Amino acid sequence: MEAKSGLICRRRRWLPNEKLGYSRTWYHGSPYKLTDIRKGSTITQERDLGRAFSHRPLLVAQGDDGRIQHSGDTPGSLYYIAEDIGPDDVYPHPRSSMVEGQEWLTKRELKVTLICQTQIVEGERLTEEQIAEFKKMAAREK
């Protein structure tokens, strides 16, 4: 994969989550320009989830249909991990609210390569009403 200047990432149609395979592409989204990510960074094999994380959201929600929405409001960048990943390099995020196997933390620094710049696409940002509802639900669960 090679980043093309001026290329904007768009959401892809949701596809069912495949069985985890460490050789599949791993993604990292960030509002920052990066060449590597630190130990403890979040990565995923779900491109659209990586896109959502690139907008620095406080809230990410995934519908029953797999559609991802978020509260982020910052343009960002989508990267792929430019190194081989194995079971000794990542572990499941212990406090993830996403579907099991979608959000992982790194055990070491990893090189990344820019895929594209990201912009918020209409309909992917949670409305203020949705955000308020999620906050109410979280408060009830405490």
C-alpha atoms as a PDB file:
ATOM      1  CA  MET A   1       0.000   0.000   0.000  1.00  0.00           C
ATOM      2  CA  GLU A   2       1.308   3.380  -0.887  1.00  0.00           C
ATOM      3  CA  ALA A   3      -0.019   6.738   0.302  1.00  0.00           C
ATOM      4  CA  LYS A   4      -1.023   9.071  -2.473  1.00  0.00           C
ATOM      5  CA  SER A   5      -0.835  12.806  -1.925  1.00  0.00           C
ATOM      6  CA  GLY A   6      -4.269  14.339  -1.420  1.00  0.00           C
ATOM      7  CA  LEU A   7      -6.024  10.965  -1.204  1.00  0.00           C
ATOM      8  CA  ILE A   8      -8.968  10.979   1.186  1.00  0.00           C
ATOM      9  CA  CYS A   9     -10.105   7.766   2.879  1.00  0.00           C
ATOM     10  CA  ARG A  10     -13.798   7.032   2.661  1.00  0.00           C
ATOM     11  CA  ARG A  11     -15.829   4.570   4.661  1.00  0.00           C
ATOM     12  CA  ARG A  12     -16.098   1.135   3.128  1.00  0.00           C
ATOM     13  CA  ARG A  13     -19.233  -0.953   3.201  1.00  0.00           C
ATOM     14  CA  TRP A  14     -19.185  -3.108   6.320  1.00  0.00           C
ATOM     15  CA  LEU A  15     -18.209  -6.733   5.861  1.00  0.00           C
ATOM     16  CA  PRO A  16     -18.513  -9.438   8.530  1.00  0.00           C
ATOM     17  CA  ASN A  17     -15.520  -9.762  10.825  1.00  0.00           C
ATOM     18  CA  GLU A  18     -13.233 -12.543   9.616  1.00  0.00           C
ATOM     19  CA  LYS A  19     -11.369 -14.845  11.972  1.00  0.00           C
ATOM     20  CA  LEU A  20      -8.296 -13.117  13.376  1.00  0.00           C
ATOM     21  CA  GLY A  21      -5.194 -13.825  11.363  1.00  0.00           C
ATOM     22  CA  TYR A  22      -2.018 -12.068  12.365  1.00  0.00           C
ATOM     23  CA  SER A  23      -0.990 -11.790   8.709  1.00  0.00           C
ATOM     24  CA  ARG A  24      -4.013  -9.618   7.856  1.00  0.00           C
ATOM     25  CA  THR A  25      -3.413  -5.866   7.573  1.00  0.00           C
ATOM     26  CA  TRP A  26      -3.307  -3.972  10.868  1.00  0.00           C
ATOM     27  CA  TYR A  27      -4.377  -0.300  11.038  1.00  0.00           C
ATOM     28  CA  HIS A  28      -3.745   2.653  13.327  1.00  0.00           C
ATOM     29  CA  GLY A  29      -5.646   5.931  13.111  1.00  0.00           C
ATOM     30  CA  SER A  30      -4.273   9.176  14.483  1.00  0.00           C
ATOM     31  CA  PRO A  31      -4.652  12.927  14.049  1.00  0.00           C
ATOM     32  CA  TYR A  32      -0.834  13.126  14.124  1.00  0.00           C
ATOM     33  CA  LYS A  33       1.857  12.570  11.500  1.00  0.00           C
ATOM     34  CA  LEU A  34       3.689   9.395  12.484  1.00  0.00           C
ATOM     35  CA  THR A  35       6.457   7.068  11.367  1.00  0.00           C
ATOM     36  CA  ASP A  36       6.070   4.692  14.310  1.00  0.00           C
ATOM     37  CA  ILE A  37       3.681   4.039  17.182  1.00  0.00           C
ATOM     38  CA  ARG A  38       4.564   3.480  20.834  1.00  0.00           C
ATOM     39  CA  LYS A  39       4.174   0.405  22.954  1.00  0.00           C
ATOM     40  CA  GLY A  40       0.584   0.405  24.260  1.00  0.00           C
ATOM     41  CA  SER A  41      -0.901   1.973  21.113  1.00  0.00           C
ATOM     42  CA  THR A  42      -4.261   0.755  19.833  1.00  0.00           C
ATOM     43  CA  ILE A  43      -4.354  -1.099  16.517  1.00  0.00           C
ATOM     44  CA  THR A  44      -7.087  -2.958  14.672  1.00  0.00           C
ATOM     45  CA  GLN A  45      -7.641  -5.116  11.623  1.00  0.00           C
ATOM     46  CA  GLU A  46     -10.861  -3.206  10.885  1.00  0.00           C
ATOM     47  CA  ARG A  47     -10.035  -0.392   8.465  1.00  0.00           C
ATOM     48  CA  ASP A  48     -13.186   1.614   9.280  1.00  0.00           C
ATOM     49  CA  LEU A  49     -12.444   1.406  12.999  1.00  0.00           C
ATOM     50  CA  GLY A  50      -8.928   2.699  12.325  1.00  0.00           C
ATOM     51  CA  ARG A  51     -10.480   5.562  10.353  1.00  0.00           C
ATOM     52  CA  ALA A  52     -12.780   6.370  13.274  1.00  0.00           C
ATOM     53  CA  PHE A  53      -9.842   6.410  15.703  1.00  0.00           C
ATOM     54  CA  SER A  54      -8.023   8.852  13.406  1.00  0.00           C
ATOM     55  CA  HIS A  55     -10.599  11.519  14.336  1.00  0.00           C
ATOM     56  CA  ARG A  56      -9.643  11.314  18.055  1.00  0.00           C
ATOM     57  CA  PRO A  57     -13.126  10.486  19.340  1.00  0.00           C
ATOM     58  CA  LEU A  58     -14.108  10.212  22.972  1.00  0.00           C
ATOM     59  CA  LEU A  59     -16.916   7.864  21.959  1.00  0.00           C
ATOM     60  CA  VAL A  60     -17.045   5.119  19.304  1.00  0.00           C
ATOM     61  CA  ALA A  61     -20.227   3.120  18.715  1.00  0.00           C
ATOM     62  CA  GLN A  62     -20.858   0.127  16.506  1.00  0.00           C
ATOM     63  CA  GLY A  63     -24.377  -0.806  15.470  1.00  0.00           C
ATOM     64  CA  ASP A  64     -25.730  -4.322  15.102  1.00  0.00           C
ATOM     65  CA  ASP A  65     -25.137  -3.928  11.359  1.00  0.00           C
ATOM     66  CA  GLY A  66     -21.442  -3.190  11.981  1.00  0.00           C
ATOM     67  CA  ARG A  67     -21.742   0.514  11.140  1.00  0.00           C
ATOM     68  CA  ILE A  68     -19.202   2.559  13.114  1.00  0.00           C
ATOM     69  CA  GLN A  69     -19.989   6.051  14.352  1.00  0.00           C
ATOM     70  CA  HIS A  70     -17.899   8.314  16.585  1.00  0.00           C
ATOM     71  CA  SER A  71     -17.764  11.653  18.370  1.00  0.00           C
ATOM     72  CA  GLY A  72     -14.479  12.821  16.809  1.00  0.00           C
ATOM     73  CA  ASP A  73     -14.245  16.155  15.035  1.00  0.00           C
ATOM     74  CA  THR A  74     -10.608  16.262  13.925  1.00  0.00           C
ATOM     75  CA  PRO A  75      -9.285  15.301  10.477  1.00  0.00           C
ATOM     76  CA  GLY A  76      -6.631  12.626  10.774  1.00  0.00           C
ATOM     77  CA  SER A  77      -4.516  10.001   9.095  1.00  0.00           C
ATOM     78  CA  LEU A  78      -4.935   6.286   8.548  1.00  0.00           C
ATOM     79  CA  TYR A  79      -1.803   4.147   8.754  1.00  0.00           C
ATOM     80  CA  TYR A  80      -1.001   0.494   8.272  1.00  0.00           C
ATOM     81  CA  ILE A  81       1.518  -1.343  10.397  1.00  0.00           C
ATOM     82  CA  ALA A  82       4.617  -1.774   8.232  1.00  0.00           C
ATOM     83  CA  GLU A  83       5.997  -4.759  10.135  1.00  0.00           C
ATOM     84  CA  ASP A  84       4.958  -8.353  10.615  1.00  0.00           C
ATOM     85  CA  ILE A  85       2.716  -8.803  13.655  1.00  0.00           C
ATOM     86  CA  GLY A  86       2.535 -11.993  15.691  1.00  0.00           C
ATOM     87  CA  PRO A  87       0.905 -13.122  18.923  1.00  0.00           C
ATOM     88  CA  ASP A  88       3.869 -11.842  20.945  1.00  0.00           C
ATOM     89  CA  ASP A  89       3.383  -8.299  19.575  1.00  0.00           C
ATOM     90  CA  VAL A  90      -0.239  -7.559  20.535  1.00  0.00           C
ATOM     91  CA  TYR A  91      -2.907  -8.415  23.090  1.00  0.00           C
ATOM     92  CA  PRO A  92      -6.667  -7.719  23.236  1.00  0.00           C
ATOM     93  CA  HIS A  93      -7.560  -4.337  24.685  1.00  0.00           C
ATOM     94  CA  PRO A  94      -8.695  -5.130  28.244  1.00  0.00           C
ATOM     95  CA  ARG A  95     -11.284  -2.318  28.401  1.00  0.00           C
ATOM     96  CA  SER A  96     -12.556  -2.285  24.828  1.00  0.00           C
ATOM     97  CA  SER A  97     -16.209  -1.573  24.210  1.00  0.00           C
ATOM     98  CA  MET A  98     -15.915  -2.923  20.667  1.00  0.00           C
ATOM     99  CA  VAL A  99     -16.674  -6.420  19.420  1.00  0.00           C
ATOM    100  CA  GLU A 100     -14.171  -8.940  20.789  1.00  0.00           C
ATOM    101  CA  GLY A 101     -11.045  -9.095  18.641  1.00  0.00           C
ATOM    102  CA  GLN A 102     -11.412  -5.655  17.067  1.00  0.00           C
ATOM    103  CA  GLU A 103      -9.212  -3.567  19.342  1.00  0.00           C
ATOM    104  CA  TRP A 104      -5.657  -4.556  20.292  1.00  0.00           C
ATOM    105  CA  LEU A 105      -2.765  -2.963  22.174  1.00  0.00           C
ATOM    106  CA  THR A 106       0.835  -3.193  21.050  1.00  0.00           C
ATOM    107  CA  LYS A 107       3.595  -4.692  23.195  1.00  0.00           C
ATOM    108  CA  ARG A 108       6.365  -2.808  21.392  1.00  0.00           C
ATOM    109  CA  GLU A 109       7.051   0.134  19.094  1.00  0.00           C
ATOM    110  CA  LEU A 110       5.977  -0.512  15.505  1.00  0.00           C
ATOM    111  CA  LYS A 111       6.720   1.217  12.195  1.00  0.00           C
ATOM    112  CA  VAL A 112       3.696   2.631  10.354  1.00  0.00           C
ATOM    113  CA  THR A 113       3.116   3.815   6.810  1.00  0.00           C
ATOM    114  CA  LEU A 114       0.562   6.450   5.818  1.00  0.00           C
ATOM    115  CA  ILE A 115      -2.330   5.166   3.727  1.00  0.00           C
ATOM    116  CA  CYS A 116      -4.257   8.430   3.453  1.00  0.00           C
ATOM    117  CA  GLN A 117      -5.585  11.525   5.173  1.00  0.00           C
ATOM    118  CA  THR A 118      -9.068  11.167   6.657  1.00  0.00           C
ATOM    119  CA  GLN A 119     -11.991  13.547   6.762  1.00  0.00           C
ATOM    120  CA  ILE A 120     -15.223  13.027   8.658  1.00  0.00           C
ATOM    121  CA  VAL A 121     -17.821  11.601   6.295  1.00  0.00           C
ATOM    122  CA  GLU A 122     -21.468  12.648   6.598  1.00  0.00           C
ATOM    123  CA  GLY A 123     -23.389  10.272   8.836  1.00  0.00           C
ATOM    124  CA  GLU A 124     -20.399   8.745  10.637  1.00  0.00           C
ATOM    125  CA  ARG A 125     -20.344  11.352  13.398  1.00  0.00           C
ATOM    126  CA  LEU A 126     -22.666  10.728  16.322  1.00  0.00           C
ATOM    127  CA  THR A 127     -25.309  13.409  16.851  1.00  0.00           C
ATOM    128  CA  GLU A 128     -25.356  15.437  20.061  1.00  0.00           C
ATOM    129  CA  GLU A 129     -28.514  13.523  21.044  1.00  0.00           C
ATOM    130  CA  GLN A 130     -26.784  10.156  20.534  1.00  0.00           C
ATOM    131  CA  ILE A 131     -23.766  11.317  22.537  1.00  0.00           C
ATOM    132  CA  ALA A 132     -26.031  12.474  25.392  1.00  0.00           C
ATOM    133  CA  GLU A 133     -27.846   9.111  25.360  1.00  0.00           C
ATOM    134  CA  PHE A 134     -24.557   7.159  25.511  1.00  0.00           C
ATOM    135  CA  LYS A 135     -23.398   9.330  28.425  1.00  0.00           C
ATOM    136  CA  LYS A 136     -26.663   8.621  30.283  1.00  0.00           C
ATOM    137  CA  MET A 137     -26.230   4.882  29.692  1.00  0.00           C
ATOM    138  CA  ALA A 138     -22.643   5.003  30.952  1.00  0.00           C
ATOM    139  CA  ALA A 139     -23.677   6.910  34.071  1.00  0.00           C
ATOM    140  CA  ARG A 140     -26.354   4.273  34.859  1.00  0.00           C
ATOM    141  CA  GLU A 141     -23.767   1.490  34.530  1.00  0.00           C
ATOM    142  CA  LYS A 142     -21.416   3.037  37.118  1.00  0.00           C
END
